[in-house]
Amino acid sequence: MQYEEYETEIVSAMNRARNGNIVSRLAIEMEITNNPDHYPLLAHKRGRSLRVVISRVLFRLSNITVLCTKRPVFVVSGEVA
């Protein structure tokens, strides 16, 4: 997978940004943008490239369901580590 080096940071940002089992890509983006010290690999990415990385990583995880693909909302089933 091309973006596997970002997986831990994206999953961490998703877990911090989610409210229950539902999280939007925008919420994950805001978490990364507002706390760049927590996500050193993603801190330099902005705009489209950050959105692409988030989507590519989360689309591939088995315990995440995508409700929409244009402005994705992710449903997390269980705990993501």
PDB file of N, CA and C in Angstrom:
ATOM      1  N   MET A   1       0.847  -1.191   0.000  1.00  0.00           N
ATOM      2  CA  MET A   1       0.000   0.000   0.000  1.00  0.00           C
ATOM      3  C   MET A   1       0.883   1.241   0.000  1.00  0.00           C
ATOM      4  N   GLN A   2       0.544   2.181  -0.817  1.00  0.00           N
ATOM      5  CA  GLN A   2       1.368   3.365  -1.012  1.00  0.00           C
ATOM      6  C   GLN A   2       1.403   4.278   0.212  1.00  0.00           C
ATOM      7  N   TYR A   3       0.332   4.322   0.985  1.00  0.00           N
ATOM      8  CA  TYR A   3       0.237   5.270   2.090  1.00  0.00           C
ATOM      9  C   TYR A   3       0.350   4.606   3.464  1.00  0.00           C
ATOM     10  N   GLU A   4       0.925   3.418   3.550  1.00  0.00           N
ATOM     11  CA  GLU A   4       0.938   2.686   4.816  1.00  0.00           C
ATOM     12  C   GLU A   4       1.750   3.382   5.913  1.00  0.00           C
ATOM     13  N   GLU A   5       2.703   4.223   5.560  1.00  0.00           N
ATOM     14  CA  GLU A   5       3.480   4.926   6.588  1.00  0.00           C
ATOM     15  C   GLU A   5       2.633   5.948   7.346  1.00  0.00           C
ATOM     16  N   TYR A   6       1.516   6.352   6.766  1.00  0.00           N
ATOM     17  CA  TYR A   6       0.640   7.320   7.413  1.00  0.00           C
ATOM     18  C   TYR A   6      -0.477   6.674   8.228  1.00  0.00           C
ATOM     19  N   GLU A   7      -0.625   5.374   8.138  1.00  0.00           N
ATOM     20  CA  GLU A   7      -1.778   4.701   8.733  1.00  0.00           C
ATOM     21  C   GLU A   7      -1.912   4.943  10.239  1.00  0.00           C
ATOM     22  N   THR A   8      -0.835   4.824  10.999  1.00  0.00           N
ATOM     23  CA  THR A   8      -0.942   5.015  12.453  1.00  0.00           C
ATOM     24  C   THR A   8      -1.363   6.421  12.819  1.00  0.00           C
ATOM     25  N   GLU A   9      -0.833   7.419  12.129  1.00  0.00           N
ATOM     26  CA  GLU A   9      -1.203   8.798  12.436  1.00  0.00           C
ATOM     27  C   GLU A   9      -2.657   9.078  12.051  1.00  0.00           C
ATOM     28  N   ILE A  10      -3.108   8.561  10.938  1.00  0.00           N
ATOM     29  CA  ILE A  10      -4.484   8.796  10.511  1.00  0.00           C
ATOM     30  C   ILE A  10      -5.466   8.100  11.442  1.00  0.00           C
ATOM     31  N   VAL A  11      -5.157   6.878  11.832  1.00  0.00           N
ATOM     32  CA  VAL A  11      -6.034   6.162  12.762  1.00  0.00           C
ATOM     33  C   VAL A  11      -6.066   6.880  14.112  1.00  0.00           C
ATOM     34  N   SER A  12      -4.936   7.377  14.549  1.00  0.00           N
ATOM     35  CA  SER A  12      -4.890   8.129  15.806  1.00  0.00           C
ATOM     36  C   SER A  12      -5.730   9.402  15.709  1.00  0.00           C
ATOM     37  N   ALA A  13      -5.596  10.141  14.608  1.00  0.00           N
ATOM     38  CA  ALA A  13      -6.384  11.363  14.408  1.00  0.00           C
ATOM     39  C   ALA A  13      -7.869  11.037  14.319  1.00  0.00           C
ATOM     40  N   MET A  14      -8.195   9.934  13.656  1.00  0.00           N
ATOM     41  CA  MET A  14      -9.591   9.536  13.541  1.00  0.00           C
ATOM     42  C   MET A  14     -10.173   9.210  14.917  1.00  0.00           C
ATOM     43  N   ASN A  15      -9.426   8.481  15.723  1.00  0.00           N
ATOM     44  CA  ASN A  15      -9.917   8.125  17.054  1.00  0.00           C
ATOM     45  C   ASN A  15     -10.108   9.353  17.943  1.00  0.00           C
ATOM     46  N   ARG A  16      -9.252  10.359  17.784  1.00  0.00           N
ATOM     47  CA  ARG A  16      -9.401  11.584  18.573  1.00  0.00           C
ATOM     48  C   ARG A  16     -10.534  12.463  18.061  1.00  0.00           C
ATOM     49  N   ALA A  17     -10.804  12.411  16.756  1.00  0.00           N
ATOM     50  CA  ALA A  17     -11.810  13.299  16.156  1.00  0.00           C
ATOM     51  C   ALA A  17     -13.216  12.709  16.161  1.00  0.00           C
ATOM     52  N   ARG A  18     -13.331  11.426  16.338  1.00  0.00           N
ATOM     53  CA  ARG A  18     -14.653  10.814  16.188  1.00  0.00           C
ATOM     54  C   ARG A  18     -15.542  11.025  17.401  1.00  0.00           C
ATOM     55  N   ASN A  19     -16.825  11.063  17.109  1.00  0.00           N
ATOM     56  CA  ASN A  19     -17.853  11.219  18.130  1.00  0.00           C
ATOM     57  C   ASN A  19     -18.698   9.955  18.050  1.00  0.00           C
ATOM     58  N   GLY A  20     -18.419   8.998  18.895  1.00  0.00           N
ATOM     59  CA  GLY A  20     -19.096   7.714  18.787  1.00  0.00           C
ATOM     60  C   GLY A  20     -18.476   6.895  17.677  1.00  0.00           C
ATOM     61  N   ASN A  21     -19.314   6.349  16.808  1.00  0.00           N
ATOM     62  CA  ASN A  21     -18.818   5.499  15.733  1.00  0.00           C
ATOM     63  C   ASN A  21     -18.753   6.194  14.384  1.00  0.00           C
ATOM     64  N   ILE A  22     -19.106   7.472  14.329  1.00  0.00           N
ATOM     65  CA  ILE A  22     -19.147   8.181  13.052  1.00  0.00           C
ATOM     66  C   ILE A  22     -18.145   9.325  13.062  1.00  0.00           C
ATOM     67  N   VAL A  23     -17.404   9.443  11.969  1.00  0.00           N
ATOM     68  CA  VAL A  23     -16.433  10.535  11.841  1.00  0.00           C
ATOM     69  C   VAL A  23     -16.360  10.952  10.377  1.00  0.00           C
ATOM     70  N   SER A  24     -16.264  12.253  10.153  1.00  0.00           N
ATOM     71  CA  SER A  24     -16.143  12.749   8.776  1.00  0.00           C
ATOM     72  C   SER A  24     -14.664  12.979   8.455  1.00  0.00           C
ATOM     73  N   ARG A  25     -14.370  13.000   7.169  1.00  0.00           N
ATOM     74  CA  ARG A  25     -12.996  13.276   6.758  1.00  0.00           C
ATOM     75  C   ARG A  25     -12.599  14.688   7.173  1.00  0.00           C
ATOM     76  N   LEU A  26     -13.537  15.617   7.131  1.00  0.00           N
ATOM     77  CA  LEU A  26     -13.245  16.993   7.540  1.00  0.00           C
ATOM     78  C   LEU A  26     -12.818  17.059   9.003  1.00  0.00           C
ATOM     79  N   ALA A  27     -13.470  16.284   9.867  1.00  0.00           N
ATOM     80  CA  ALA A  27     -13.099  16.262  11.283  1.00  0.00           C
ATOM     81  C   ALA A  27     -11.677  15.731  11.468  1.00  0.00           C
ATOM     82  N   ILE A  28     -11.321  14.733  10.684  1.00  0.00           N
ATOM     83  CA  ILE A  28      -9.956  14.191  10.760  1.00  0.00           C
ATOM     84  C   ILE A  28      -8.960  15.223  10.254  1.00  0.00           C
ATOM     85  N   GLU A  29      -9.288  15.893   9.149  1.00  0.00           N
ATOM     86  CA  GLU A  29      -8.425  16.956   8.621  1.00  0.00           C
ATOM     87  C   GLU A  29      -8.201  18.059   9.649  1.00  0.00           C
ATOM     88  N   MET A  30      -9.271  18.485  10.304  1.00  0.00           N
ATOM     89  CA  MET A  30      -9.159  19.554  11.300  1.00  0.00           C
ATOM     90  C   MET A  30      -8.306  19.113  12.486  1.00  0.00           C
ATOM     91  N   GLU A  31      -8.445  17.869  12.916  1.00  0.00           N
ATOM     92  CA  GLU A  31      -7.629  17.336  14.014  1.00  0.00           C
ATOM     93  C   GLU A  31      -6.150  17.396  13.648  1.00  0.00           C
ATOM     94  N   ILE A  32      -5.820  16.992  12.434  1.00  0.00           N
ATOM     95  CA  ILE A  32      -4.417  17.007  11.989  1.00  0.00           C
ATOM     96  C   ILE A  32      -3.918  18.433  11.832  1.00  0.00           C
ATOM     97  N   THR A  33      -4.723  19.308  11.260  1.00  0.00           N
ATOM     98  CA  THR A  33      -4.319  20.699  11.044  1.00  0.00           C
ATOM     99  C   THR A  33      -4.154  21.460  12.351  1.00  0.00           C
ATOM    100  N   ASN A  34      -5.034  21.211  13.310  1.00  0.00           N
ATOM    101  CA  ASN A  34      -4.981  21.932  14.582  1.00  0.00           C
ATOM    102  C   ASN A  34      -3.932  21.394  15.546  1.00  0.00           C
ATOM    103  N   ASN A  35      -3.471  20.175  15.338  1.00  0.00           N
ATOM    104  CA  ASN A  35      -2.479  19.555  16.231  1.00  0.00           C
ATOM    105  C   ASN A  35      -1.322  18.957  15.434  1.00  0.00           C
ATOM    106  N   PRO A  36      -0.577  19.769  14.703  1.00  0.00           N
ATOM    107  CA  PRO A  36       0.483  19.228  13.841  1.00  0.00           C
ATOM    108  C   PRO A  36       1.604  18.537  14.616  1.00  0.00           C
ATOM    109  N   ASP A  37       1.806  18.894  15.878  1.00  0.00           N
ATOM    110  CA  ASP A  37       2.859  18.249  16.668  1.00  0.00           C
ATOM    111  C   ASP A  37       2.551  16.785  16.937  1.00  0.00           C
ATOM    112  N   HIS A  38       1.284  16.406  16.960  1.00  0.00           N
ATOM    113  CA  HIS A  38       0.891  15.022  17.219  1.00  0.00           C
ATOM    114  C   HIS A  38       1.045  14.148  15.977  1.00  0.00           C
ATOM    115  N   TYR A  39       1.108  14.773  14.810  1.00  0.00           N
ATOM    116  CA  TYR A  39       1.134  14.041  13.538  1.00  0.00           C
ATOM    117  C   TYR A  39       2.264  14.558  12.648  1.00  0.00           C
ATOM    118  N   PRO A  40       3.514  14.255  12.995  1.00  0.00           N
ATOM    119  CA  PRO A  40       4.649  14.844  12.265  1.00  0.00           C
ATOM    120  C   PRO A  40       4.724  14.448  10.787  1.00  0.00           C
ATOM    121  N   LEU A  41       4.306  13.241  10.428  1.00  0.00           N
ATOM    122  CA  LEU A  41       4.361  12.842   9.017  1.00  0.00           C
ATOM    123  C   LEU A  41       3.311  13.556   8.179  1.00  0.00           C
ATOM    124  N   LEU A  42       2.186  13.876   8.786  1.00  0.00           N
ATOM    125  CA  LEU A  42       1.086  14.506   8.049  1.00  0.00           C
ATOM    126  C   LEU A  42       1.082  16.026   8.167  1.00  0.00           C
ATOM    127  N   ALA A  43       1.888  16.588   9.052  1.00  0.00           N
ATOM    128  CA  ALA A  43       1.852  18.024   9.329  1.00  0.00           C
ATOM    129  C   ALA A  43       2.152  18.870   8.094  1.00  0.00           C
ATOM    130  N   HIS A  44       2.993  18.393   7.204  1.00  0.00           N
ATOM    131  CA  HIS A  44       3.355  19.180   6.010  1.00  0.00           C
ATOM    132  C   HIS A  44       2.333  19.052   4.889  1.00  0.00           C
ATOM    133  N   LYS A  45       1.431  18.098   4.982  1.00  0.00           N
ATOM    134  CA  LYS A  45       0.428  17.916   3.927  1.00  0.00           C
ATOM    135  C   LYS A  45      -0.739  18.868   4.157  1.00  0.00           C
ATOM    136  N   ARG A  46      -1.230  19.443   3.095  1.00  0.00           N
ATOM    137  CA  ARG A  46      -2.361  20.370   3.159  1.00  0.00           C
ATOM    138  C   ARG A  46      -3.292  20.118   1.992  1.00  0.00           C
ATOM    139  N   GLY A  47      -4.518  20.520   2.145  1.00  0.00           N
ATOM    140  CA  GLY A  47      -5.477  20.500   1.042  1.00  0.00           C
ATOM    141  C   GLY A  47      -5.737  19.130   0.471  1.00  0.00           C
ATOM    142  N   ARG A  48      -5.686  19.051  -0.837  1.00  0.00           N
ATOM    143  CA  ARG A  48      -6.040  17.823  -1.550  1.00  0.00           C
ATOM    144  C   ARG A  48      -5.171  16.643  -1.156  1.00  0.00           C
ATOM    145  N   SER A  49      -3.876  16.830  -1.004  1.00  0.00           N
ATOM    146  CA  SER A  49      -3.007  15.694  -0.691  1.00  0.00           C
ATOM    147  C   SER A  49      -3.349  15.081   0.667  1.00  0.00           C
ATOM    148  N   LEU A  50      -3.703  15.908   1.644  1.00  0.00           N
ATOM    149  CA  LEU A  50      -4.097  15.383   2.947  1.00  0.00           C
ATOM    150  C   LEU A  50      -5.404  14.607   2.827  1.00  0.00           C
ATOM    151  N   ARG A  51      -6.355  15.133   2.082  1.00  0.00           N
ATOM    152  CA  ARG A  51      -7.635  14.444   1.881  1.00  0.00           C
ATOM    153  C   ARG A  51      -7.445  13.099   1.202  1.00  0.00           C
ATOM    154  N   VAL A  52      -6.573  13.059   0.218  1.00  0.00           N
ATOM    155  CA  VAL A  52      -6.314  11.814  -0.510  1.00  0.00           C
ATOM    156  C   VAL A  52      -5.702  10.769   0.420  1.00  0.00           C
ATOM    157  N   VAL A  53      -4.728  11.164   1.202  1.00  0.00           N
ATOM    158  CA  VAL A  53      -4.076  10.224   2.117  1.00  0.00           C
ATOM    159  C   VAL A  53      -5.080   9.674   3.122  1.00  0.00           C
ATOM    160  N   ILE A  54      -5.892  10.536   3.715  1.00  0.00           N
ATOM    161  CA  ILE A  54      -6.898  10.099   4.686  1.00  0.00           C
ATOM    162  C   ILE A  54      -7.854   9.101   4.037  1.00  0.00           C
ATOM    163  N   SER A  55      -8.376   9.443   2.890  1.00  0.00           N
ATOM    164  CA  SER A  55      -9.336   8.573   2.214  1.00  0.00           C
ATOM    165  C   SER A  55      -8.718   7.242   1.816  1.00  0.00           C
ATOM    166  N   ARG A  56      -7.542   7.255   1.225  1.00  0.00           N
ATOM    167  CA  ARG A  56      -6.906   6.018   0.766  1.00  0.00           C
ATOM    168  C   ARG A  56      -6.628   5.068   1.929  1.00  0.00           C
ATOM    169  N   VAL A  57      -6.191   5.603   3.047  1.00  0.00           N
ATOM    170  CA  VAL A  57      -5.901   4.749   4.204  1.00  0.00           C
ATOM    171  C   VAL A  57      -7.189   4.187   4.791  1.00  0.00           C
ATOM    172  N   LEU A  58      -8.181   5.029   5.018  1.00  0.00           N
ATOM    173  CA  LEU A  58      -9.398   4.568   5.693  1.00  0.00           C
ATOM    174  C   LEU A  58     -10.284   3.708   4.798  1.00  0.00           C
ATOM    175  N   PHE A  59     -10.245   3.903   3.487  1.00  0.00           N
ATOM    176  CA  PHE A  59     -11.034   3.060   2.586  1.00  0.00           C
ATOM    177  C   PHE A  59     -10.554   1.611   2.646  1.00  0.00           C
ATOM    178  N   ARG A  60      -9.286   1.390   2.960  1.00  0.00           N
ATOM    179  CA  ARG A  60      -8.711   0.057   2.949  1.00  0.00           C
ATOM    180  C   ARG A  60      -8.857  -0.696   4.273  1.00  0.00           C
ATOM    181  N   LEU A  61      -9.222  -0.021   5.334  1.00  0.00           N
ATOM    182  CA  LEU A  61      -9.348  -0.697   6.632  1.00  0.00           C
ATOM    183  C   LEU A  61     -10.650  -1.491   6.676  1.00  0.00           C
ATOM    184  N   SER A  62     -10.563  -2.712   7.171  1.00  0.00           N
ATOM    185  CA  SER A  62     -11.708  -3.619   7.107  1.00  0.00           C
ATOM    186  C   SER A  62     -12.833  -3.270   8.082  1.00  0.00           C
ATOM    187  N   ASN A  63     -12.530  -2.652   9.199  1.00  0.00           N
ATOM    188  CA  ASN A  63     -13.578  -2.370  10.184  1.00  0.00           C
ATOM    189  C   ASN A  63     -14.155  -0.956  10.047  1.00  0.00           C
ATOM    190  N   ILE A  64     -14.003  -0.358   8.870  1.00  0.00           N
ATOM    191  CA  ILE A  64     -14.553   0.969   8.597  1.00  0.00           C
ATOM    192  C   ILE A  64     -15.440   0.889   7.359  1.00  0.00           C
ATOM    193  N   THR A  65     -16.640   1.409   7.486  1.00  0.00           N
ATOM    194  CA  THR A  65     -17.578   1.465   6.371  1.00  0.00           C
ATOM    195  C   THR A  65     -17.671   2.911   5.897  1.00  0.00           C
ATOM    196  N   VAL A  66     -17.663   3.119   4.592  1.00  0.00           N
ATOM    197  CA  VAL A  66     -17.751   4.454   4.014  1.00  0.00           C
ATOM    198  C   VAL A  66     -19.188   4.696   3.575  1.00  0.00           C
ATOM    199  N   LEU A  67     -19.790   5.770   4.088  1.00  0.00           N
ATOM    200  CA  LEU A  67     -21.169   6.080   3.734  1.00  0.00           C
ATOM    201  C   LEU A  67     -21.281   6.859   2.438  1.00  0.00           C
ATOM    202  N   CYS A  68     -20.270   7.629   2.107  1.00  0.00           N
ATOM    203  CA  CYS A  68     -20.297   8.471   0.922  1.00  0.00           C
ATOM    204  C   CYS A  68     -18.869   8.594   0.431  1.00  0.00           C
ATOM    205  N   THR A  69     -18.653   8.712  -0.870  1.00  0.00           N
ATOM    206  CA  THR A  69     -17.277   8.791  -1.360  1.00  0.00           C
ATOM    207  C   THR A  69     -16.824  10.195  -1.730  1.00  0.00           C
ATOM    208  N   LYS A  70     -17.729  11.096  -2.091  1.00  0.00           N
ATOM    209  CA  LYS A  70     -17.307  12.448  -2.457  1.00  0.00           C
ATOM    210  C   LYS A  70     -16.878  13.245  -1.229  1.00  0.00           C
ATOM    211  N   ARG A  71     -17.704  13.271  -0.213  1.00  0.00           N
ATOM    212  CA  ARG A  71     -17.350  13.871   1.077  1.00  0.00           C
ATOM    213  C   ARG A  71     -17.561  12.789   2.115  1.00  0.00           C
ATOM    214  N   PRO A  72     -16.563  11.912   2.264  1.00  0.00           N
ATOM    215  CA  PRO A  72     -16.763  10.695   3.022  1.00  0.00           C
ATOM    216  C   PRO A  72     -17.081  10.892   4.497  1.00  0.00           C
ATOM    217  N   VAL A  73     -17.976  10.053   4.943  1.00  0.00           N
ATOM    218  CA  VAL A  73     -18.269   9.908   6.361  1.00  0.00           C
ATOM    219  C   VAL A  73     -17.970   8.438   6.662  1.00  0.00           C
ATOM    220  N   PHE A  74     -17.165   8.208   7.683  1.00  0.00           N
ATOM    221  CA  PHE A  74     -16.725   6.856   8.001  1.00  0.00           C
ATOM    222  C   PHE A  74     -17.453   6.350   9.223  1.00  0.00           C
ATOM    223  N   VAL A  75     -17.918   5.109   9.170  1.00  0.00           N
ATOM    224  CA  VAL A  75     -18.553   4.462  10.308  1.00  0.00           C
ATOM    225  C   VAL A  75     -17.568   3.420  10.805  1.00  0.00           C
ATOM    226  N   VAL A  76     -17.183   3.541  12.057  1.00  0.00           N
ATOM    227  CA  VAL A  76     -16.183   2.658  12.643  1.00  0.00           C
ATOM    228  C   VAL A  76     -16.907   1.592  13.457  1.00  0.00           C
ATOM    229  N   SER A  77     -16.653   0.344  13.122  1.00  0.00           N
ATOM    230  CA  SER A  77     -17.241  -0.737  13.891  1.00  0.00           C
ATOM    231  C   SER A  77     -16.155  -1.344  14.773  1.00  0.00           C
ATOM    232  N   GLY A  78     -16.335  -1.252  16.055  1.00  0.00           N
ATOM    233  CA  GLY A  78     -15.336  -1.755  16.984  1.00  0.00           C
ATOM    234  C   GLY A  78     -14.226  -0.754  17.232  1.00  0.00           C
ATOM    235  N   GLU A  79     -13.148  -1.215  17.801  1.00  0.00           N
ATOM    236  CA  GLU A  79     -12.008  -0.366  18.139  1.00  0.00           C
ATOM    237  C   GLU A  79     -10.967  -0.460  17.035  1.00  0.00           C
ATOM    238  N   VAL A  80     -10.426   0.661  16.617  1.00  0.00           N
ATOM    239  CA  VAL A  80      -9.382   0.704  15.618  1.00  0.00           C
ATOM    240  C   VAL A  80      -8.088   1.016  16.326  1.00  0.00           C
ATOM    241  N   ALA A  81      -7.109   0.160  16.135  1.00  0.00           N
ATOM    242  CA  ALA A  81      -5.823   0.361  16.821  1.00  0.00           C
ATOM    243  C   ALA A  81      -4.766   0.815  15.866  1.00  0.00           C
TER     244      ALA A  81
END
